[in-house]
Amino acid sequence: MQGRILNRAGQQKKEVRPRSVIDWLHGLLFLILLYASLLWFAAAARMLYLPFHFWVAWGLNQFFREKTSRLPYIPWLLAIMMTLLPVDVSLNNAPGPPRFVPLVMGLAVPDSQLMKATVRGDMLLGGCIVTGYEAKSVWVW
């Protein structure tokens, strides 16, 4: 009984050990992978990716904190696949029922027909920078 420290429930407390270099490297790797995931989201700028990014962050946290045996490959793979899909979700409100509308991207001067179609909710105007990862259709409601 001597030398053991008990908590309020009478159970023996876990021994607190100082953090090793490996623990610090695991933490650094976690931050690097999380930052890389955020950079991928910033490059793709897709709304479908966001929930999967949180799943990846949670999985990375579990991997490094709980010392599980494998990285969260499935959420990461799904997150990357979500950025490469030809569809996305928009937070823009468009008149009419929820549906997919085409996304028009690129540096073009919108003519009157394009502007009328956008006001009607028949298409959505994107930005002027085309990276190749843009969705072709967007879900609006």
C-alpha atoms as a PDB file:
ATOM      1  CA  MET A   1       0.000   0.000   0.000  1.00  0.00           C
ATOM      2  CA  GLN A   2       2.938   2.262   0.521  1.00  0.00           C
ATOM      3  CA  GLY A   3       3.971   4.306  -2.520  1.00  0.00           C
ATOM      4  CA  ARG A   4       0.598   3.987  -4.271  1.00  0.00           C
ATOM      5  CA  ILE A   5      -1.496   7.095  -4.815  1.00  0.00           C
ATOM      6  CA  LEU A   6      -5.261   6.572  -4.744  1.00  0.00           C
ATOM      7  CA  ASN A   7      -7.953   8.795  -6.208  1.00  0.00           C
ATOM      8  CA  ARG A   8     -11.264   9.630  -4.516  1.00  0.00           C
ATOM      9  CA  ALA A   9     -12.837   6.342  -5.636  1.00  0.00           C
ATOM     10  CA  GLY A  10     -10.012   4.407  -4.000  1.00  0.00           C
ATOM     11  CA  GLN A  11      -8.538   3.330  -7.312  1.00  0.00           C
ATOM     12  CA  GLN A  12      -4.874   3.634  -8.064  1.00  0.00           C
ATOM     13  CA  LYS A  13      -4.025   6.682 -10.153  1.00  0.00           C
ATOM     14  CA  LYS A  14      -2.222   6.224 -13.422  1.00  0.00           C
ATOM     15  CA  GLU A  15       1.412   7.098 -13.359  1.00  0.00           C
ATOM     16  CA  VAL A  16       2.055  10.360 -15.139  1.00  0.00           C
ATOM     17  CA  ARG A  17       5.048  10.036 -17.385  1.00  0.00           C
ATOM     18  CA  PRO A  18       6.810  12.894 -19.107  1.00  0.00           C
ATOM     19  CA  ARG A  19       6.178  13.265 -22.813  1.00  0.00           C
ATOM     20  CA  SER A  20       8.770  11.628 -24.974  1.00  0.00           C
ATOM     21  CA  VAL A  21      10.192  12.857 -28.256  1.00  0.00           C
ATOM     22  CA  ILE A  22       7.954  10.356 -30.072  1.00  0.00           C
ATOM     23  CA  ASP A  23       4.855  11.937 -28.474  1.00  0.00           C
ATOM     24  CA  TRP A  24       5.971  15.366 -29.659  1.00  0.00           C
ATOM     25  CA  LEU A  25       6.644  14.038 -33.153  1.00  0.00           C
ATOM     26  CA  HIS A  26       3.175  12.465 -33.222  1.00  0.00           C
ATOM     27  CA  GLY A  27       1.665  15.809 -32.280  1.00  0.00           C
ATOM     28  CA  LEU A  28       3.684  17.592 -34.943  1.00  0.00           C
ATOM     29  CA  LEU A  29       2.678  15.035 -37.577  1.00  0.00           C
ATOM     30  CA  PHE A  30      -0.970  15.466 -36.552  1.00  0.00           C
ATOM     31  CA  LEU A  31      -0.733  19.225 -37.077  1.00  0.00           C
ATOM     32  CA  ILE A  32       1.021  18.809 -40.433  1.00  0.00           C
ATOM     33  CA  LEU A  33      -1.593  16.359 -41.708  1.00  0.00           C
ATOM     34  CA  LEU A  34      -4.444  18.540 -40.462  1.00  0.00           C
ATOM     35  CA  TYR A  35      -2.887  21.601 -42.115  1.00  0.00           C
ATOM     36  CA  ALA A  36      -2.444  19.684 -45.383  1.00  0.00           C
ATOM     37  CA  SER A  37      -6.086  18.686 -45.224  1.00  0.00           C
ATOM     38  CA  LEU A  38      -7.115  22.311 -44.708  1.00  0.00           C
ATOM     39  CA  LEU A  39      -4.965  23.377 -47.657  1.00  0.00           C
ATOM     40  CA  TRP A  40      -6.683  20.778 -49.829  1.00  0.00           C
ATOM     41  CA  PHE A  41     -10.051  22.200 -48.766  1.00  0.00           C
ATOM     42  CA  ALA A  42      -8.892  25.727 -49.539  1.00  0.00           C
ATOM     43  CA  ALA A  43      -7.712  24.683 -52.998  1.00  0.00           C
ATOM     44  CA  ALA A  44     -10.888  22.792 -53.827  1.00  0.00           C
ATOM     45  CA  ALA A  45     -13.355  25.063 -51.960  1.00  0.00           C
ATOM     46  CA  ARG A  46     -16.128  22.478 -51.978  1.00  0.00           C
ATOM     47  CA  MET A  47     -18.944  22.340 -49.451  1.00  0.00           C
ATOM     48  CA  LEU A  48     -19.257  18.532 -49.676  1.00  0.00           C
ATOM     49  CA  TYR A  49     -15.701  18.228 -48.372  1.00  0.00           C
ATOM     50  CA  LEU A  50     -16.335  20.041 -45.096  1.00  0.00           C
ATOM     51  CA  PRO A  51     -18.104  17.270 -43.096  1.00  0.00           C
ATOM     52  CA  PHE A  52     -15.491  14.775 -44.241  1.00  0.00           C
ATOM     53  CA  HIS A  53     -12.728  17.145 -43.147  1.00  0.00           C
ATOM     54  CA  PHE A  54     -14.121  17.097 -39.610  1.00  0.00           C
ATOM     55  CA  TRP A  55     -14.277  13.296 -39.782  1.00  0.00           C
ATOM     56  CA  VAL A  56     -10.629  13.217 -40.890  1.00  0.00           C
ATOM     57  CA  ALA A  57      -9.630  15.603 -38.079  1.00  0.00           C
ATOM     58  CA  TRP A  58     -11.442  13.428 -35.523  1.00  0.00           C
ATOM     59  CA  GLY A  59      -9.807  10.289 -36.934  1.00  0.00           C
ATOM     60  CA  LEU A  60      -6.357  11.868 -36.834  1.00  0.00           C
ATOM     61  CA  ASN A  61      -6.961  12.932 -33.246  1.00  0.00           C
ATOM     62  CA  GLN A  62      -7.984   9.384 -32.315  1.00  0.00           C
ATOM     63  CA  PHE A  63      -4.953   7.966 -34.105  1.00  0.00           C
ATOM     64  CA  PHE A  64      -2.460  10.142 -32.283  1.00  0.00           C
ATOM     65  CA  ARG A  65      -4.173  10.357 -28.912  1.00  0.00           C
ATOM     66  CA  GLU A  66      -5.322   6.762 -28.537  1.00  0.00           C
ATOM     67  CA  LYS A  67      -2.325   5.327 -30.410  1.00  0.00           C
ATOM     68  CA  THR A  68      -4.569   3.266 -32.670  1.00  0.00           C
ATOM     69  CA  SER A  69      -2.926   1.063 -35.244  1.00  0.00           C
ATOM     70  CA  ARG A  70      -4.064   2.767 -38.433  1.00  0.00           C
ATOM     71  CA  LEU A  71      -4.612   6.223 -39.825  1.00  0.00           C
ATOM     72  CA  PRO A  72      -8.153   7.188 -40.843  1.00  0.00           C
ATOM     73  CA  TYR A  73      -7.634   6.239 -44.488  1.00  0.00           C
ATOM     74  CA  ILE A  74     -11.315   5.795 -45.323  1.00  0.00           C
ATOM     75  CA  PRO A  75     -12.431   9.302 -44.277  1.00  0.00           C
ATOM     76  CA  TRP A  76      -9.420  10.820 -45.994  1.00  0.00           C
ATOM     77  CA  LEU A  77     -10.103   8.919 -49.204  1.00  0.00           C
ATOM     78  CA  LEU A  78     -13.782   9.913 -49.097  1.00  0.00           C
ATOM     79  CA  ALA A  79     -12.860  13.544 -48.432  1.00  0.00           C
ATOM     80  CA  ILE A  80     -10.566  13.665 -51.450  1.00  0.00           C
ATOM     81  CA  MET A  81     -13.201  11.926 -53.578  1.00  0.00           C
ATOM     82  CA  MET A  82     -15.751  14.554 -52.513  1.00  0.00           C
ATOM     83  CA  THR A  83     -13.513  17.294 -53.880  1.00  0.00           C
ATOM     84  CA  LEU A  84     -13.261  15.548 -57.240  1.00  0.00           C
ATOM     85  CA  LEU A  85     -16.991  14.932 -57.760  1.00  0.00           C
ATOM     86  CA  PRO A  86     -18.655  16.914 -60.564  1.00  0.00           C
ATOM     87  CA  VAL A  87     -21.398  18.081 -58.158  1.00  0.00           C
ATOM     88  CA  ASP A  88     -21.435  20.251 -55.056  1.00  0.00           C
ATOM     89  CA  VAL A  89     -23.831  21.891 -52.630  1.00  0.00           C
ATOM     90  CA  SER A  90     -24.395  25.639 -52.603  1.00  0.00           C
ATOM     91  CA  LEU A  91     -25.616  27.849 -49.811  1.00  0.00           C
ATOM     92  CA  ASN A  92     -27.187  30.195 -52.367  1.00  0.00           C
ATOM     93  CA  ASN A  93     -30.947  30.418 -52.278  1.00  0.00           C
ATOM     94  CA  ALA A  94     -32.504  30.054 -55.721  1.00  0.00           C
ATOM     95  CA  PRO A  95     -36.161  30.409 -56.635  1.00  0.00           C
ATOM     96  CA  GLY A  96     -37.958  27.149 -57.273  1.00  0.00           C
ATOM     97  CA  PRO A  97     -37.673  23.670 -55.789  1.00  0.00           C
ATOM     98  CA  PRO A  98     -34.327  22.180 -54.680  1.00  0.00           C
ATOM     99  CA  ARG A  99     -32.449  20.969 -57.748  1.00  0.00           C
ATOM    100  CA  PHE A 100     -29.132  20.782 -59.565  1.00  0.00           C
ATOM    101  CA  VAL A 101     -28.213  23.785 -61.718  1.00  0.00           C
ATOM    102  CA  PRO A 102     -25.129  24.277 -63.910  1.00  0.00           C
ATOM    103  CA  LEU A 103     -22.221  26.278 -62.532  1.00  0.00           C
ATOM    104  CA  VAL A 104     -20.713  28.800 -64.955  1.00  0.00           C
ATOM    105  CA  MET A 105     -17.061  29.567 -64.188  1.00  0.00           C
ATOM    106  CA  GLY A 106     -14.410  31.694 -65.845  1.00  0.00           C
ATOM    107  CA  LEU A 107     -13.676  35.280 -66.661  1.00  0.00           C
ATOM    108  CA  ALA A 108     -16.544  36.169 -68.927  1.00  0.00           C
ATOM    109  CA  VAL A 109     -18.756  39.201 -69.144  1.00  0.00           C
ATOM    110  CA  PRO A 110     -22.243  37.910 -68.374  1.00  0.00           C
ATOM    111  CA  ASP A 111     -24.719  38.921 -71.043  1.00  0.00           C
ATOM    112  CA  SER A 112     -28.378  39.681 -70.401  1.00  0.00           C
ATOM    113  CA  GLN A 113     -29.524  36.104 -71.055  1.00  0.00           C
ATOM    114  CA  LEU A 114     -26.999  34.711 -68.574  1.00  0.00           C
ATOM    115  CA  MET A 115     -28.008  37.251 -65.945  1.00  0.00           C
ATOM    116  CA  LYS A 116     -31.712  36.502 -66.469  1.00  0.00           C
ATOM    117  CA  ALA A 117     -31.045  32.759 -66.115  1.00  0.00           C
ATOM    118  CA  THR A 118     -29.124  33.421 -62.906  1.00  0.00           C
ATOM    119  CA  VAL A 119     -31.930  35.549 -61.466  1.00  0.00           C
ATOM    120  CA  ARG A 120     -34.463  32.836 -62.401  1.00  0.00           C
ATOM    121  CA  GLY A 121     -32.289  30.275 -60.638  1.00  0.00           C
ATOM    122  CA  ASP A 122     -31.572  28.254 -63.786  1.00  0.00           C
ATOM    123  CA  MET A 123     -27.785  28.532 -63.340  1.00  0.00           C
ATOM    124  CA  LEU A 124     -25.233  29.745 -60.828  1.00  0.00           C
ATOM    125  CA  LEU A 125     -22.331  32.085 -61.561  1.00  0.00           C
ATOM    126  CA  GLY A 126     -18.967  31.148 -60.083  1.00  0.00           C
ATOM    127  CA  GLY A 127     -15.711  33.010 -59.832  1.00  0.00           C
ATOM    128  CA  CYS A 128     -13.283  33.994 -62.550  1.00  0.00           C
ATOM    129  CA  ILE A 129     -10.467  31.642 -61.538  1.00  0.00           C
ATOM    130  CA  VAL A 130     -10.795  28.144 -62.999  1.00  0.00           C
ATOM    131  CA  THR A 131      -8.640  25.494 -61.334  1.00  0.00           C
ATOM    132  CA  GLY A 132     -10.175  22.382 -62.848  1.00  0.00           C
ATOM    133  CA  TYR A 133     -11.653  21.183 -59.564  1.00  0.00           C
ATOM    134  CA  GLU A 134     -14.890  23.119 -59.942  1.00  0.00           C
ATOM    135  CA  ALA A 135     -18.204  21.346 -59.884  1.00  0.00           C
ATOM    136  CA  LYS A 136     -20.179  21.194 -63.095  1.00  0.00           C
ATOM    137  CA  SER A 137     -23.539  21.198 -61.289  1.00  0.00           C
ATOM    138  CA  VAL A 138     -24.519  22.643 -57.930  1.00  0.00           C
ATOM    139  CA  TRP A 139     -27.410  21.682 -55.648  1.00  0.00           C
ATOM    140  CA  VAL A 140     -29.402  24.803 -54.757  1.00  0.00           C
ATOM    141  CA  TRP A 141     -32.538  25.267 -52.739  1.00  0.00           C
END
